Structures are given as C-alpha cells and as structure tokens.
Amino acid sequence: MIKQILVVDDNLMMRKLIRNLFHKENFEIKEAANGIEGLEFVKGNPVDLIITDLIMPKMEGIELIMNLRRDFPDIKIFAISGAQPYYLYLAKKLGIDGIFTKPLNQQVFLKAVKKVIHLSANKSV
C-alpha cells in the first residue's frame, strides 16, 4: 500500500526538494502552501505523515499542529524550520514525531521519514 505524505510549506522550492527526495520511495506526496490548505486536505484525505514548515502565512505550523493533534491525534507529524529553535522546541512539546532544521540533512531526514512510516504501517496490521 502506498503511503500518503502531505508536505505543508509556503516555499515551493522546499516542497519540490522534499518531493524529489522521495521520488524513489513508495510514497505519494501531496502539497499544501499553508496550514489552512493542509488542514483542509487532511479533512478529506487519509494521510500517513505530515511534514510542515512552522513559519507560514495564513496559518502557521504551530497552529496547524495544534489543530491536527486535536482532530487527528494519530497522524504522524514532522516539523521543519529555519527559524528560531524555540519554534521547533514548541512543536516538539505539542507531541509531534520529529523536528528538523533547514537546510535539511537529506539522508537523516529520509531515514527518519522511512522509520516513522514503517512504524505506522506496523501498527495498522
């Protein structure tokens, strides 16, 4: 079964970078440009992992994470940010599955995504 990953980031180049990072994997990558788009997507589509930036227009990543934890507590979430470390610390305190700084260490990031996707696959069996 193909795993669904939603990338929520206002930076098109970052979304493309993440999409390209997973091009050889058995993942379907969907994209949203802000937290509002991301939340709307999740309401109508099953998602195995959300990768969200923290600083975005319209709805920031922290607010998105808070909404997701309330409405979809089992979805795996990674936060990425090039902003102050405090934002990543706050995101981690909200109970997400991983935090990563920009620029991404692509090998470490890919390994972490595979691990979390694999763990969620084992839970559903």
C-alpha atoms as a PDB file:
ATOM      1  CA  MET A   1       0.000   0.000   0.000  1.00  0.00           C
ATOM      2  CA  ILE A   2       1.341   3.423  -0.974  1.00  0.00           C
ATOM      3  CA  LYS A   3       1.862   5.749   1.993  1.00  0.00           C
ATOM      4  CA  GLN A   4       0.471   9.272   1.776  1.00  0.00           C
ATOM      5  CA  ILE A   5       2.682  12.190   2.821  1.00  0.00           C
ATOM      6  CA  LEU A   6       1.480  15.781   2.913  1.00  0.00           C
ATOM      7  CA  VAL A   7       4.136  18.494   2.704  1.00  0.00           C
ATOM      8  CA  VAL A   8       2.924  21.846   4.047  1.00  0.00           C
ATOM      9  CA  ASP A   9       5.337  24.671   3.265  1.00  0.00           C
ATOM     10  CA  ASP A  10       4.896  28.119   1.751  1.00  0.00           C
ATOM     11  CA  ASN A  11       8.220  27.726  -0.069  1.00  0.00           C
ATOM     12  CA  LEU A  12       7.667  25.989  -3.410  1.00  0.00           C
ATOM     13  CA  MET A  13      11.357  25.081  -3.692  1.00  0.00           C
ATOM     14  CA  MET A  14      11.283  23.323  -0.311  1.00  0.00           C
ATOM     15  CA  ARG A  15       8.201  21.357  -1.346  1.00  0.00           C
ATOM     16  CA  LYS A  16       9.968  20.352  -4.583  1.00  0.00           C
ATOM     17  CA  LEU A  17      13.121  19.379  -2.694  1.00  0.00           C
ATOM     18  CA  ILE A  18      11.128  17.077  -0.397  1.00  0.00           C
ATOM     19  CA  ARG A  19       9.146  15.655  -3.326  1.00  0.00           C
ATOM     20  CA  ASN A  20      12.415  14.912  -5.178  1.00  0.00           C
ATOM     21  CA  LEU A  21      13.934  13.356  -2.061  1.00  0.00           C
ATOM     22  CA  PHE A  22      11.170  10.737  -2.062  1.00  0.00           C
ATOM     23  CA  HIS A  23      10.962  10.108  -5.824  1.00  0.00           C
ATOM     24  CA  LYS A  24      12.366   6.573  -5.498  1.00  0.00           C
ATOM     25  CA  GLU A  25      10.241   5.677  -2.492  1.00  0.00           C
ATOM     26  CA  ASN A  26       6.793   4.120  -2.465  1.00  0.00           C
ATOM     27  CA  PHE A  27       5.176   7.311  -1.127  1.00  0.00           C
ATOM     28  CA  GLU A  28       2.553   9.554  -2.661  1.00  0.00           C
ATOM     29  CA  ILE A  29       3.479  13.166  -1.960  1.00  0.00           C
ATOM     30  CA  LYS A  30       0.785  15.831  -1.746  1.00  0.00           C
ATOM     31  CA  GLU A  31       1.462  19.523  -1.209  1.00  0.00           C
ATOM     32  CA  ALA A  32      -0.119  22.495   0.546  1.00  0.00           C
ATOM     33  CA  ALA A  33       1.188  26.067   0.626  1.00  0.00           C
ATOM     34  CA  ASN A  34      -0.011  26.919   4.145  1.00  0.00           C
ATOM     35  CA  GLY A  35      -1.643  25.477   7.231  1.00  0.00           C
ATOM     36  CA  ILE A  36      -5.193  26.230   6.093  1.00  0.00           C
ATOM     37  CA  GLU A  37      -4.693  24.304   2.842  1.00  0.00           C
ATOM     38  CA  GLY A  38      -3.016  21.490   4.753  1.00  0.00           C
ATOM     39  CA  LEU A  39      -5.799  21.176   7.297  1.00  0.00           C
ATOM     40  CA  GLU A  40      -8.471  21.205   4.584  1.00  0.00           C
ATOM     41  CA  PHE A  41      -6.611  18.478   2.683  1.00  0.00           C
ATOM     42  CA  VAL A  42      -6.373  16.256   5.766  1.00  0.00           C
ATOM     43  CA  LYS A  43     -10.098  16.633   6.469  1.00  0.00           C
ATOM     44  CA  GLY A  44     -10.899  14.964   3.137  1.00  0.00           C
ATOM     45  CA  ASN A  45      -7.966  12.614   2.567  1.00  0.00           C
ATOM     46  CA  PRO A  46      -6.155   9.913   4.530  1.00  0.00           C
ATOM     47  CA  VAL A  47      -2.583  10.907   5.344  1.00  0.00           C
ATOM     48  CA  ASP A  48       0.144   8.819   6.979  1.00  0.00           C
ATOM     49  CA  LEU A  49       2.604  11.654   7.648  1.00  0.00           C
ATOM     50  CA  ILE A  50       2.512  15.435   7.567  1.00  0.00           C
ATOM     51  CA  ILE A  51       5.717  17.378   7.106  1.00  0.00           C
ATOM     52  CA  THR A  52       5.074  21.004   7.973  1.00  0.00           C
ATOM     53  CA  ASP A  53       7.066  24.186   7.996  1.00  0.00           C
ATOM     54  CA  LEU A  54       6.462  26.303  11.086  1.00  0.00           C
ATOM     55  CA  ILE A  55       6.578  29.863   9.754  1.00  0.00           C
ATOM     56  CA  MET A  56       3.973  30.364   7.007  1.00  0.00           C
ATOM     57  CA  PRO A  57       1.314  32.907   6.048  1.00  0.00           C
ATOM     58  CA  LYS A  58      -2.404  32.381   6.772  1.00  0.00           C
ATOM     59  CA  MET A  59      -1.908  29.584   9.333  1.00  0.00           C
ATOM     60  CA  GLU A  60       1.482  28.829  10.843  1.00  0.00           C
ATOM     61  CA  GLY A  61       2.744  25.339  11.506  1.00  0.00           C
ATOM     62  CA  ILE A  62       2.238  25.511  15.279  1.00  0.00           C
ATOM     63  CA  GLU A  63      -1.461  26.286  14.798  1.00  0.00           C
ATOM     64  CA  LEU A  64      -1.725  23.512  12.198  1.00  0.00           C
ATOM     65  CA  ILE A  65      -0.108  21.043  14.609  1.00  0.00           C
ATOM     66  CA  MET A  66      -2.486  22.063  17.399  1.00  0.00           C
ATOM     67  CA  ASN A  67      -5.487  21.510  15.109  1.00  0.00           C
ATOM     68  CA  LEU A  68      -4.152  18.179  13.876  1.00  0.00           C
ATOM     69  CA  ARG A  69      -3.450  16.899  17.383  1.00  0.00           C
ATOM     70  CA  ARG A  70      -6.993  17.824  18.421  1.00  0.00           C
ATOM     71  CA  ASP A  71      -8.819  16.434  15.368  1.00  0.00           C
ATOM     72  CA  PHE A  72      -6.455  13.724  14.051  1.00  0.00           C
ATOM     73  CA  PRO A  73      -4.362  12.604  17.042  1.00  0.00           C
ATOM     74  CA  ASP A  74      -2.905   9.524  15.313  1.00  0.00           C
ATOM     75  CA  ILE A  75      -1.370  11.269  12.293  1.00  0.00           C
ATOM     76  CA  LYS A  76       2.415  11.331  12.352  1.00  0.00           C
ATOM     77  CA  ILE A  77       3.871  14.865  12.113  1.00  0.00           C
ATOM     78  CA  PHE A  78       7.340  16.213  11.385  1.00  0.00           C
ATOM     79  CA  ALA A  79       8.136  19.909  11.708  1.00  0.00           C
ATOM     80  CA  ILE A  80      10.839  21.672   9.714  1.00  0.00           C
ATOM     81  CA  SER A  81      12.031  25.222  10.190  1.00  0.00           C
ATOM     82  CA  GLY A  82      14.874  27.557   9.503  1.00  0.00           C
ATOM     83  CA  ALA A  83      13.568  29.984  12.146  1.00  0.00           C
ATOM     84  CA  GLN A  84      14.456  30.306  15.790  1.00  0.00           C
ATOM     85  CA  PRO A  85      14.987  26.979  17.614  1.00  0.00           C
ATOM     86  CA  TYR A  86      12.193  27.955  20.014  1.00  0.00           C
ATOM     87  CA  TYR A  87       9.598  27.188  17.329  1.00  0.00           C
ATOM     88  CA  LEU A  88      10.927  23.661  16.899  1.00  0.00           C
ATOM     89  CA  TYR A  89      11.037  23.215  20.683  1.00  0.00           C
ATOM     90  CA  LEU A  90       7.416  24.344  20.937  1.00  0.00           C
ATOM     91  CA  ALA A  91       6.387  21.992  18.112  1.00  0.00           C
ATOM     92  CA  LYS A  92       8.099  19.071  19.879  1.00  0.00           C
ATOM     93  CA  LYS A  93       6.235  19.939  23.102  1.00  0.00           C
ATOM     94  CA  LEU A  94       2.963  19.516  21.148  1.00  0.00           C
ATOM     95  CA  GLY A  95       3.764  15.826  20.759  1.00  0.00           C
ATOM     96  CA  ILE A  96       4.972  15.584  17.179  1.00  0.00           C
ATOM     97  CA  ASP A  97       7.162  12.774  15.916  1.00  0.00           C
ATOM     98  CA  GLY A  98      10.228  14.719  14.782  1.00  0.00           C
ATOM     99  CA  ILE A  99      11.807  18.127  14.284  1.00  0.00           C
ATOM    100  CA  PHE A 100      14.320  19.125  11.634  1.00  0.00           C
ATOM    101  CA  THR A 101      16.192  22.329  10.875  1.00  0.00           C
ATOM    102  CA  LYS A 102      16.567  23.873   7.453  1.00  0.00           C
ATOM    103  CA  PRO A 103      18.606  23.296   5.438  1.00  0.00           C
ATOM    104  CA  LEU A 104      17.669  19.635   5.780  1.00  0.00           C
ATOM    105  CA  ASN A 105      20.241  16.920   6.186  1.00  0.00           C
ATOM    106  CA  GLN A 106      18.578  14.898   3.433  1.00  0.00           C
ATOM    107  CA  GLN A 107      19.905  11.463   4.423  1.00  0.00           C
ATOM    108  CA  VAL A 108      18.929  11.863   8.093  1.00  0.00           C
ATOM    109  CA  PHE A 109      15.535  13.252   7.121  1.00  0.00           C
ATOM    110  CA  LEU A 110      14.783  10.444   4.645  1.00  0.00           C
ATOM    111  CA  LYS A 111      15.815   7.809   7.192  1.00  0.00           C
ATOM    112  CA  ALA A 112      13.541   9.361   9.855  1.00  0.00           C
ATOM    113  CA  VAL A 113      10.575   9.519   7.461  1.00  0.00           C
ATOM    114  CA  LYS A 114      11.044   5.871   6.459  1.00  0.00           C
ATOM    115  CA  LYS A 115      11.251   4.849  10.110  1.00  0.00           C
ATOM    116  CA  VAL A 116       8.053   6.681  11.108  1.00  0.00           C
ATOM    117  CA  ILE A 117       6.179   5.417   8.043  1.00  0.00           C
ATOM    118  CA  HIS A 118       7.343   1.863   8.769  1.00  0.00           C
ATOM    119  CA  LEU A 119       6.266   2.125  12.427  1.00  0.00           C
ATOM    120  CA  SER A 120       2.812   3.413  11.488  1.00  0.00           C
ATOM    121  CA  ALA A 121       2.455   0.590   8.944  1.00  0.00           C
ATOM    122  CA  ASN A 122       3.186  -1.996  11.632  1.00  0.00           C
ATOM    123  CA  LYS A 123       0.596  -0.526  13.982  1.00  0.00           C
ATOM    124  CA  SER A 124      -2.199  -0.824  11.415  1.00  0.00           C
ATOM    125  CA  VAL A 125      -1.553  -4.525  10.701  1.00  0.00           C
END
